[in-house]
Amino acid sequence: MIDNLPLFHRISGQPVIVLGSGEAAKAKRRLVERAGGVVVGDVQEGIDKSARLAFVAHDDTEAAQADAIRLRAAGILVNATDRLELCDFVVPSILDRSPVLLAVGTGGASAGLAKALRLRLETLLPQSLGRLALALGAARDRLRARWPDAGARRRALDEALGKGGALDPLREDAGTLLGDWLDSPNIEVSENSLVELALRSADPEDLTLREARLLGSADMIVHETGVSSAILDRARADATRVEIETGAPAPDTSGLAVLLRL
């Protein structure tokens, strides 16, 4: 179970407190400025300007503790460099394919591991990924017109964006293919279907790629009592969940539903 909730904060034009004078503080200032934030170097000024985030990069432990306490008392979330016990949030290693951002974090356990994973992903994800995202955003109205039902629209995109799909994100030219894909008369999306999966174990690593993809796409998850939370966590967080007794028939479903049996 994770103990961190990954979030992306919009800070463009907003005040962000950065305290400290060393290299760590300079790095945090660059990070804030790269995201369009306005760096504020004084606690009270930041409080007066309604800052929501603060980076504390003091070399002195007592100074870091004192400022962290004051900032928290004002309702500001704090990141204290190399002092995990003072942190309300941690800074991930960021892969930038604007507007696509991938954040790799370890909950503060190892910045080196997060960086190593991010560098590995850098070699896999093409620079064109951002263009695909922008093209999908610009085509939002066309997507809604083609598939008015949100579930059908999601399933069509899941198929196209999947490995080997028409818009596979790892293809350099995926962003240029969106128009042709939308104009294609041969895209078939099932409006309602129920897929039954017999689980082999409580370990999500035993799921096949197809099973994992179905769990991640389903509008409804119907599961027998006793299905592990580790398996259920592989489903979309906003999917409807229905628990049934072992061997019981599935209830009426709509959209894409997955039935998990032990």
Protein backbone atom coordinates (compact mmCIF):
# COMPACT_ATOMS: atom_id res chain seq x y z
CA MET A 1 0.00 0.00 0.00
CA ILE A 2 1.32 3.45 -0.93
CA ASP A 3 1.65 6.14 1.72
CA ASN A 4 2.06 9.04 -0.72
CA LEU A 5 -0.52 10.60 -3.03
CA PRO A 6 1.16 11.83 -6.23
CA LEU A 7 -0.15 15.25 -7.29
CA PHE A 8 0.80 17.90 -9.82
CA HIS A 9 0.55 21.45 -8.43
CA ARG A 10 -0.08 24.40 -10.74
CA ILE A 11 2.29 27.10 -9.46
CA SER A 12 2.68 29.32 -12.52
CA GLY A 13 2.54 32.92 -11.32
CA GLN A 14 2.08 31.79 -7.72
CA PRO A 15 4.40 32.53 -4.76
CA VAL A 16 6.52 29.63 -3.51
CA ILE A 17 8.78 30.02 -0.46
CA VAL A 18 12.39 28.86 -0.88
CA LEU A 19 14.66 29.27 2.15
CA GLY A 20 18.42 28.74 2.30
CA SER A 21 21.58 29.97 0.60
CA GLY A 22 23.50 26.86 -0.50
CA GLU A 23 23.47 24.74 -3.63
CA ALA A 24 20.39 22.84 -2.51
CA ALA A 25 18.44 26.09 -2.18
CA LYS A 26 19.63 27.23 -5.62
CA ALA A 27 18.44 23.95 -7.12
CA LYS A 28 14.99 24.39 -5.54
CA ARG A 29 14.77 27.94 -6.88
CA ARG A 30 15.54 26.68 -10.38
CA LEU A 31 12.88 23.98 -9.99
CA VAL A 32 10.23 26.51 -8.94
CA GLU A 33 11.16 29.00 -11.66
CA ARG A 34 11.11 26.28 -14.34
CA ALA A 35 7.49 25.60 -13.40
CA GLY A 36 6.63 29.32 -13.58
CA GLY A 37 6.46 29.93 -9.84
CA VAL A 38 7.51 33.16 -8.14
CA VAL A 39 10.28 32.53 -5.59
CA VAL A 40 9.86 34.20 -2.20
CA GLY A 41 12.82 34.07 0.17
CA ASP A 42 11.18 35.26 3.39
CA VAL A 43 8.76 33.29 5.56
CA GLN A 44 6.52 36.18 6.55
CA GLU A 45 6.41 37.58 3.03
CA GLY A 46 5.39 34.18 1.75
CA ILE A 47 2.66 33.87 4.38
CA ASP A 48 1.39 37.37 3.54
CA LYS A 49 1.27 36.44 -0.16
CA SER A 50 -0.69 33.23 0.57
CA ALA A 51 2.02 30.82 -0.54
CA ARG A 52 0.94 27.17 -0.41
CA LEU A 53 4.30 25.43 -0.78
CA ALA A 54 7.68 25.94 0.84
CA PHE A 55 11.15 24.49 0.35
CA VAL A 56 13.47 24.66 3.36
CA ALA A 57 17.12 24.11 2.42
CA HIS A 58 19.01 25.35 5.47
CA ASP A 59 22.30 23.64 6.37
CA ASP A 60 21.55 24.22 10.05
CA THR A 61 19.18 21.62 11.50
CA GLU A 62 17.69 23.90 14.16
CA ALA A 63 16.96 26.63 11.62
CA ALA A 64 15.30 24.08 9.32
CA GLN A 65 13.14 22.73 12.17
CA ALA A 66 12.11 26.21 13.34
CA ASP A 67 11.09 27.39 9.86
CA ALA A 68 9.29 24.11 9.10
CA ILE A 69 7.23 24.46 12.29
CA ARG A 70 6.36 28.07 11.54
CA LEU A 71 5.38 27.29 7.96
CA ARG A 72 3.21 24.33 8.95
CA ALA A 73 1.48 26.45 11.59
CA ALA A 74 0.51 28.79 8.75
CA GLY A 75 -0.96 25.88 6.76
CA ILE A 76 1.87 25.71 4.20
CA LEU A 77 3.16 22.37 2.91
CA VAL A 78 6.87 21.93 3.53
CA ASN A 79 9.73 20.13 1.82
CA ALA A 80 12.94 20.14 3.87
CA THR A 81 16.06 19.05 1.98
CA ASP A 82 17.56 15.82 3.36
CA ARG A 83 15.21 15.90 6.35
CA LEU A 84 12.42 13.51 5.50
CA GLU A 85 10.91 13.76 8.99
CA LEU A 86 10.13 17.44 8.32
CA CYS A 87 8.61 16.89 4.87
CA ASP A 88 4.93 17.11 3.98
CA PHE A 89 5.84 16.32 0.37
CA VAL A 90 8.87 15.07 -1.54
CA VAL A 91 10.18 16.13 -4.94
CA PRO A 92 10.23 13.37 -7.57
CA SER A 93 12.65 12.93 -10.42
CA ILE A 94 10.89 14.56 -13.37
CA LEU A 95 10.82 13.47 -17.00
CA ASP A 96 9.67 16.36 -19.19
CA ARG A 97 7.86 15.78 -22.46
CA SER A 98 5.67 18.87 -22.07
CA PRO A 99 2.78 18.83 -21.60
CA VAL A 100 3.45 15.24 -20.53
CA LEU A 101 5.29 15.05 -17.21
CA LEU A 102 6.35 11.80 -15.57
CA ALA A 103 7.30 11.94 -11.91
CA VAL A 104 9.31 9.08 -10.39
CA GLY A 105 9.41 9.00 -6.61
CA THR A 106 10.51 6.65 -3.86
CA GLY A 107 8.84 8.42 -0.94
CA GLY A 108 12.18 9.96 -0.04
CA ALA A 109 13.88 6.57 0.33
CA SER A 110 16.38 7.00 -2.52
CA ALA A 111 16.70 9.98 -4.83
CA GLY A 112 19.40 8.05 -6.70
CA LEU A 113 17.01 5.23 -7.56
CA ALA A 114 14.35 7.70 -8.73
CA LYS A 115 16.92 9.39 -10.99
CA ALA A 116 18.13 6.07 -12.39
CA LEU A 117 14.59 5.05 -13.28
CA ARG A 118 13.88 8.42 -14.84
CA LEU A 119 17.02 8.18 -16.99
CA ARG A 120 15.97 4.71 -18.14
CA LEU A 121 12.57 6.06 -19.14
CA GLU A 122 14.25 8.95 -20.99
CA THR A 123 15.62 6.41 -23.47
CA LEU A 124 12.21 4.80 -24.01
CA LEU A 125 9.86 7.76 -24.44
CA PRO A 126 10.19 9.75 -27.69
CA GLN A 127 10.40 13.54 -27.73
CA SER A 128 7.22 13.50 -29.84
CA LEU A 129 5.15 12.36 -26.85
CA GLY A 130 4.21 15.95 -26.03
CA ARG A 131 2.90 16.50 -29.56
CA LEU A 132 0.64 13.48 -29.19
CA ALA A 133 -0.76 14.87 -25.94
CA LEU A 134 -1.43 18.26 -27.52
CA ALA A 135 -3.10 16.60 -30.51
CA LEU A 136 -5.37 14.58 -28.22
CA GLY A 137 -6.30 17.72 -26.30
CA ALA A 138 -7.13 19.59 -29.50
CA ALA A 139 -9.25 16.65 -30.71
CA ARG A 140 -11.36 16.47 -27.55
CA ASP A 141 -14.54 17.71 -29.26
CA ARG A 142 -14.07 15.32 -32.19
CA LEU A 143 -13.55 12.42 -29.78
CA ARG A 144 -16.78 13.29 -27.95
CA ALA A 145 -18.66 13.55 -31.23
CA ARG A 146 -17.38 10.15 -32.40
CA TRP A 147 -18.08 8.44 -29.05
CA PRO A 148 -20.63 10.39 -26.97
CA ASP A 149 -20.50 7.69 -24.28
CA ALA A 150 -17.53 8.32 -21.98
CA GLY A 151 -16.90 4.61 -21.42
CA ALA A 152 -16.85 3.83 -25.14
CA ARG A 153 -14.56 6.79 -25.75
CA ARG A 154 -12.15 5.62 -23.07
CA ARG A 155 -12.09 2.07 -24.44
CA ALA A 156 -11.42 3.31 -27.98
CA LEU A 157 -8.50 5.39 -26.75
CA ASP A 158 -7.19 2.58 -24.57
CA GLU A 159 -7.06 0.32 -27.62
CA ALA A 160 -5.44 2.93 -29.84
CA LEU A 161 -2.87 3.98 -27.23
CA GLY A 162 -1.98 0.43 -26.21
CA LYS A 163 1.15 -1.40 -27.30
CA GLY A 164 1.06 -1.77 -31.08
CA GLY A 165 -2.11 0.34 -31.32
CA ALA A 166 -2.82 2.96 -33.95
CA LEU A 167 -1.61 5.73 -31.59
CA ASP A 168 1.04 3.80 -29.66
CA PRO A 169 2.81 6.58 -27.65
CA LEU A 170 6.20 5.01 -28.34
CA ARG A 171 5.82 5.72 -32.06
CA GLU A 172 7.56 8.91 -33.14
CA ASP A 173 4.75 9.72 -35.59
CA ALA A 174 1.81 8.93 -33.28
CA GLY A 175 0.78 12.60 -32.99
CA THR A 176 0.45 12.94 -36.78
CA LEU A 177 -1.77 9.85 -37.08
CA LEU A 178 -4.61 11.00 -34.83
CA GLY A 179 -6.68 12.60 -37.59
CA ASP A 180 -6.51 9.53 -39.83
CA TRP A 181 -7.45 7.30 -36.89
CA LEU A 182 -10.48 9.43 -36.01
CA ASP A 183 -11.61 9.42 -39.65
CA SER A 184 -11.32 5.65 -39.94
CA PRO A 185 -14.71 3.92 -40.32
CA ASN A 186 -13.32 0.61 -39.03
CA ILE A 187 -12.93 1.37 -35.31
CA GLU A 188 -15.14 -1.02 -33.37
CA VAL A 189 -15.78 -0.47 -29.66
CA SER A 190 -18.01 -2.81 -27.66
CA GLU A 191 -20.63 -0.81 -25.79
CA ASN A 192 -21.36 -3.47 -23.17
CA SER A 193 -19.40 -6.57 -22.30
CA LEU A 194 -18.60 -8.72 -19.29
CA VAL A 195 -15.22 -10.43 -19.14
CA GLU A 196 -14.71 -13.15 -16.54
CA LEU A 197 -11.20 -13.71 -15.21
CA ALA A 198 -10.21 -16.70 -13.07
CA LEU A 199 -7.40 -15.57 -10.79
CA ARG A 200 -4.46 -17.90 -10.33
CA SER A 201 -3.19 -16.25 -7.13
CA ALA A 202 -3.45 -13.14 -4.97
CA ASP A 203 -0.28 -11.76 -6.56
CA PRO A 204 -0.90 -9.07 -9.23
CA GLU A 205 2.38 -10.09 -10.89
CA ASP A 206 0.60 -13.28 -12.01
CA LEU A 207 -1.83 -11.26 -14.14
CA THR A 208 -1.26 -11.50 -17.88
CA LEU A 209 -0.81 -8.33 -19.88
CA ARG A 210 -4.33 -8.73 -21.25
CA GLU A 211 -5.80 -9.16 -17.76
CA ALA A 212 -3.93 -6.14 -16.43
CA ARG A 213 -5.11 -4.07 -19.39
CA LEU A 214 -8.72 -5.12 -18.84
CA LEU A 215 -8.53 -4.21 -15.15
CA GLY A 216 -7.11 -0.82 -16.02
CA SER A 217 -9.85 -0.12 -18.57
CA ALA A 218 -13.00 -1.56 -16.97
CA ASP A 219 -15.90 0.67 -15.95
CA MET A 220 -17.01 -1.87 -13.32
CA ILE A 221 -15.14 -4.44 -11.27
CA VAL A 222 -17.25 -7.31 -9.93
CA HIS A 223 -15.27 -9.51 -7.56
CA GLU A 224 -15.84 -12.45 -5.29
CA THR A 225 -15.28 -12.06 -1.56
CA GLY A 226 -11.62 -12.66 -0.81
CA VAL A 227 -10.05 -11.20 -3.92
CA SER A 228 -6.87 -9.51 -2.72
CA SER A 229 -6.62 -5.75 -2.43
CA ALA A 230 -3.35 -5.96 -4.39
CA ILE A 231 -5.31 -7.25 -7.39
CA LEU A 232 -8.09 -4.69 -6.96
CA ASP A 233 -5.56 -1.88 -6.77
CA ARG A 234 -4.67 -2.60 -10.41
CA ALA A 235 -8.13 -1.41 -11.46
CA ARG A 236 -9.04 2.19 -12.21
CA ALA A 237 -9.64 4.10 -8.98
CA ASP A 238 -12.93 5.50 -10.33
CA ALA A 239 -14.31 2.16 -11.55
CA THR A 240 -17.48 0.95 -9.84
CA ARG A 241 -16.81 -2.02 -7.54
CA VAL A 242 -19.32 -4.70 -6.61
CA GLU A 243 -18.52 -7.56 -4.22
CA ILE A 244 -20.38 -10.86 -4.58
CA GLU A 245 -20.30 -14.20 -2.79
CA THR A 246 -18.16 -16.98 -4.23
CA GLY A 247 -19.92 -18.62 -7.15
CA ALA A 248 -22.72 -16.04 -7.29
CA PRO A 249 -23.82 -14.79 -10.71
CA ALA A 250 -22.70 -11.37 -11.84
CA PRO A 251 -25.18 -8.51 -11.46
CA ASP A 252 -26.41 -6.49 -14.41
CA THR A 253 -23.54 -4.45 -15.81
CA SER A 254 -23.03 -1.68 -18.30
CA GLY A 255 -19.96 -0.66 -20.24
CA LEU A 256 -16.91 -2.87 -19.88
CA ALA A 257 -17.14 -5.00 -16.73
CA VAL A 258 -14.58 -7.43 -15.37
CA LEU A 259 -15.67 -10.32 -13.13
CA LEU A 260 -12.89 -11.62 -10.87
CA ARG A 261 -13.33 -15.14 -9.55
CA LEU A 262 -11.04 -17.03 -7.16
